[in-house]
């Protein structure tokens, strides 16, 4: 059973996704570039309306990447047989492995690495902010020690995960999830 705080993270159900973001997610998962004109047409709205309601392409891409990530975290959380902080670590480990293996994300990183990294790792974007917030909630729910505030710890873990998952784009070194997980384990336990 999830603790009350973990339930508030909304990892027990598949999150509802806005219909326009769902269309964009389908484009993304086909390893296609999200084209705002095509998206507006598919959604049955004008391009100006799309931009007014959803923002620019980076914002839409961020919403798509978050929808994919949140759904994956929910599945991993429900499937995990471990409990406590070890459950958080197990979910993070598998999420990082899935991220590195994602054909759609790999295609984005190869096609447009600067946009991908900006959308995935910027503090101004939706992805990193929601990852940190969600992870902080999980840490609070599963860890008694509050020596380091959960939000700061979550931020450090997310930045660490980003650097190891996207190291091929950032430094040219291959992603190293084993090392990332070991460091995260030491930070969280």
Protein backbone atom coordinates (compact mmCIF):
# COMPACT_ATOMS: atom_id res chain seq x y z
CA UNK A 1 0.00 0.00 0.00
CA UNK A 2 1.30 3.46 -0.85
CA UNK A 3 1.70 5.88 1.98
CA UNK A 4 -0.56 8.95 1.95
CA UNK A 5 2.20 11.23 0.66
CA UNK A 6 3.11 8.81 -2.13
CA UNK A 7 -0.55 8.63 -3.14
CA UNK A 8 -0.55 12.42 -3.56
CA UNK A 9 2.15 12.02 -6.21
CA UNK A 10 -0.52 10.42 -8.41
CA UNK A 11 1.56 7.38 -9.33
CA UNK A 12 -1.31 4.97 -8.80
CA UNK A 13 -3.16 5.77 -12.02
CA UNK A 14 -2.37 6.62 -15.61
CA UNK A 15 -2.47 10.42 -15.68
CA UNK A 16 -5.08 12.14 -17.80
CA UNK A 17 -3.45 13.75 -20.79
CA UNK A 18 -4.89 16.72 -22.65
CA UNK A 19 -6.14 15.56 -26.10
CA UNK A 20 -3.78 17.89 -27.99
CA UNK A 21 -0.81 16.71 -25.93
CA UNK A 22 -1.94 13.11 -26.58
CA UNK A 23 -1.81 13.82 -30.33
CA UNK A 24 1.66 15.34 -29.95
CA UNK A 25 2.75 12.34 -27.87
CA UNK A 26 1.69 10.00 -30.69
CA UNK A 27 3.78 12.08 -33.14
CA UNK A 28 6.75 11.93 -30.76
CA UNK A 29 6.48 8.19 -30.14
CA UNK A 30 6.52 7.59 -33.91
CA UNK A 31 9.98 9.20 -33.69
CA UNK A 32 8.66 12.16 -35.63
CA UNK A 33 9.42 15.79 -35.06
CA UNK A 34 6.45 17.52 -33.47
CA UNK A 35 5.25 19.86 -36.16
CA UNK A 36 3.00 22.57 -34.74
CA UNK A 37 1.12 23.06 -38.03
CA UNK A 38 0.39 19.33 -38.35
CA UNK A 39 -0.56 19.19 -34.69
CA UNK A 40 -3.00 22.10 -35.03
CA UNK A 41 -4.58 20.48 -38.08
CA UNK A 42 -4.88 17.08 -36.36
CA UNK A 43 -6.40 18.76 -33.30
CA UNK A 44 -8.90 20.68 -35.42
CA UNK A 45 -7.72 24.07 -34.19
CA UNK A 46 -5.89 26.95 -35.78
CA UNK A 47 -2.17 27.32 -35.41
CA UNK A 48 -2.59 30.62 -33.55
CA UNK A 49 -4.99 28.94 -31.13
CA UNK A 50 -2.49 26.14 -30.58
CA UNK A 51 0.26 28.60 -29.68
CA UNK A 52 -2.05 30.68 -27.49
CA UNK A 53 -3.31 27.66 -25.51
CA UNK A 54 -0.16 25.54 -25.35
CA UNK A 55 2.78 27.85 -25.92
CA UNK A 56 5.65 27.25 -28.29
CA UNK A 57 7.02 23.94 -29.59
CA UNK A 58 9.42 23.59 -26.64
CA UNK A 59 6.52 23.86 -24.21
CA UNK A 60 4.47 21.27 -26.13
CA UNK A 61 7.49 18.97 -26.35
CA UNK A 62 8.04 19.39 -22.60
CA UNK A 63 4.42 18.45 -21.90
CA UNK A 64 4.81 15.40 -24.15
CA UNK A 65 8.03 14.31 -22.46
CA UNK A 66 6.47 14.79 -19.05
CA UNK A 67 3.36 12.78 -20.04
CA UNK A 68 5.58 9.91 -21.22
CA UNK A 69 7.75 10.12 -18.09
CA UNK A 70 4.86 10.33 -15.66
CA UNK A 71 3.12 7.33 -17.22
CA UNK A 72 6.36 5.33 -17.05
CA UNK A 73 6.95 6.27 -13.39
CA UNK A 74 3.37 5.23 -12.54
CA UNK A 75 3.82 1.82 -14.20
CA UNK A 76 7.19 1.28 -12.55
CA UNK A 77 5.90 2.36 -9.14
CA UNK A 78 2.97 -0.04 -9.29
CA UNK A 79 5.13 -2.92 -10.56
CA UNK A 80 7.88 -2.52 -7.96
CA UNK A 81 7.97 -5.23 -5.31
CA UNK A 82 10.38 -3.29 -3.09
CA UNK A 83 9.28 -0.79 -0.46
CA UNK A 84 10.58 2.34 1.18
CA UNK A 85 13.47 4.33 -0.24
CA UNK A 86 14.68 1.21 -2.07
CA UNK A 87 11.48 1.37 -4.10
CA UNK A 88 12.29 4.95 -5.10
CA UNK A 89 15.80 3.86 -6.13
CA UNK A 90 14.49 0.86 -8.09
CA UNK A 91 12.00 3.06 -9.95
CA UNK A 92 14.67 5.65 -10.73
CA UNK A 93 17.07 2.96 -11.95
CA UNK A 94 14.55 1.44 -14.34
CA UNK A 95 13.28 4.86 -15.46
CA UNK A 96 16.84 5.88 -16.37
CA UNK A 97 17.36 2.60 -18.27
CA UNK A 98 14.08 3.11 -20.13
CA UNK A 99 15.03 6.71 -20.91
CA UNK A 100 18.36 5.68 -22.42
CA UNK A 101 16.68 2.91 -24.43
CA UNK A 102 13.75 5.00 -25.72
CA UNK A 103 13.87 5.06 -29.53
CA UNK A 104 11.77 8.23 -29.69
CA UNK A 105 13.95 10.09 -27.19
CA UNK A 106 17.14 8.85 -28.85
CA UNK A 107 15.80 10.08 -32.20
CA UNK A 108 15.08 13.51 -30.66
CA UNK A 109 18.53 13.68 -29.06
CA UNK A 110 20.21 12.78 -32.36
CA UNK A 111 18.03 15.03 -34.52
CA UNK A 112 18.03 18.11 -32.28
CA UNK A 113 20.31 17.72 -29.24
CA UNK A 114 20.21 21.38 -28.20
CA UNK A 115 16.42 21.51 -28.12
CA UNK A 116 16.21 18.13 -26.40
CA UNK A 117 18.60 19.11 -23.63
CA UNK A 118 16.97 22.52 -23.22
CA UNK A 119 13.50 20.99 -22.88
CA UNK A 120 14.63 18.10 -20.67
CA UNK A 121 17.05 19.85 -18.34
CA UNK A 122 16.09 23.52 -18.11
CA UNK A 123 14.80 24.82 -14.80
CA UNK A 124 12.39 26.97 -16.80
CA UNK A 125 10.88 23.96 -18.57
CA UNK A 126 8.16 21.62 -17.37
CA UNK A 127 10.13 18.35 -17.35
CA UNK A 128 12.83 19.05 -14.79
CA UNK A 129 10.51 21.00 -12.51
CA UNK A 130 7.94 18.20 -12.42
CA UNK A 131 10.60 15.51 -12.02
CA UNK A 132 12.03 17.33 -9.02
CA UNK A 133 8.60 17.96 -7.50
CA UNK A 134 7.44 14.37 -8.01
CA UNK A 135 10.68 12.87 -6.75
CA UNK A 136 10.65 15.14 -3.69
CA UNK A 137 7.15 13.87 -2.87
CA UNK A 138 8.33 10.26 -3.17
CA UNK A 139 11.38 10.95 -1.01
CA UNK A 140 9.22 12.58 1.68
CA UNK A 141 6.85 9.62 1.58
CA UNK A 142 9.52 6.95 1.78
CA UNK A 143 12.37 8.46 3.79
CA UNK A 144 12.32 9.52 7.44
CA UNK A 145 15.61 11.45 7.42
CA UNK A 146 15.09 15.12 6.67
CA UNK A 147 18.68 16.27 7.18
CA UNK A 148 18.66 17.48 3.59
CA UNK A 149 15.31 18.96 2.45
CA UNK A 150 13.55 16.59 0.04
CA UNK A 151 13.32 19.20 -2.72
CA UNK A 152 17.07 19.87 -2.65
CA UNK A 153 17.85 16.17 -2.56
CA UNK A 154 15.44 15.53 -5.44
CA UNK A 155 17.03 18.33 -7.46
CA UNK A 156 20.49 16.82 -6.94
CA UNK A 157 19.25 13.35 -7.94
CA UNK A 158 17.49 14.64 -11.05
CA UNK A 159 20.57 16.61 -12.16
CA UNK A 160 22.73 13.56 -11.54
CA UNK A 161 20.36 11.34 -13.52
CA UNK A 162 20.32 13.85 -16.38
CA UNK A 163 24.09 13.97 -16.56
CA UNK A 164 24.43 10.18 -16.69
CA UNK A 165 21.44 9.56 -19.02
CA UNK A 166 22.43 12.23 -21.56
CA UNK A 167 26.21 11.99 -21.17
CA UNK A 168 26.56 10.90 -24.80
CA UNK A 169 25.10 14.24 -25.91
CA UNK A 170 26.73 16.34 -23.17
CA UNK A 171 30.27 14.92 -23.14
CA UNK A 172 30.43 12.17 -25.75
CA UNK A 173 30.72 9.45 -23.06
CA UNK A 174 28.18 6.63 -23.16
CA UNK A 175 25.31 6.75 -20.65
CA UNK A 176 26.24 4.99 -17.40
CA UNK A 177 23.14 4.04 -15.46
CA UNK A 178 24.93 1.62 -13.13
CA UNK A 179 27.13 4.41 -11.77
CA UNK A 180 24.20 6.84 -11.58
CA UNK A 181 22.15 4.34 -9.58
CA UNK A 182 25.02 3.62 -7.20
CA UNK A 183 25.52 7.33 -6.50
CA UNK A 184 21.77 7.86 -6.07
CA UNK A 185 21.65 4.92 -3.67
CA UNK A 186 24.38 6.51 -1.56
CA UNK A 187 22.58 9.85 -1.58
CA UNK A 188 19.21 8.43 -0.58
CA UNK A 189 20.14 5.75 1.94
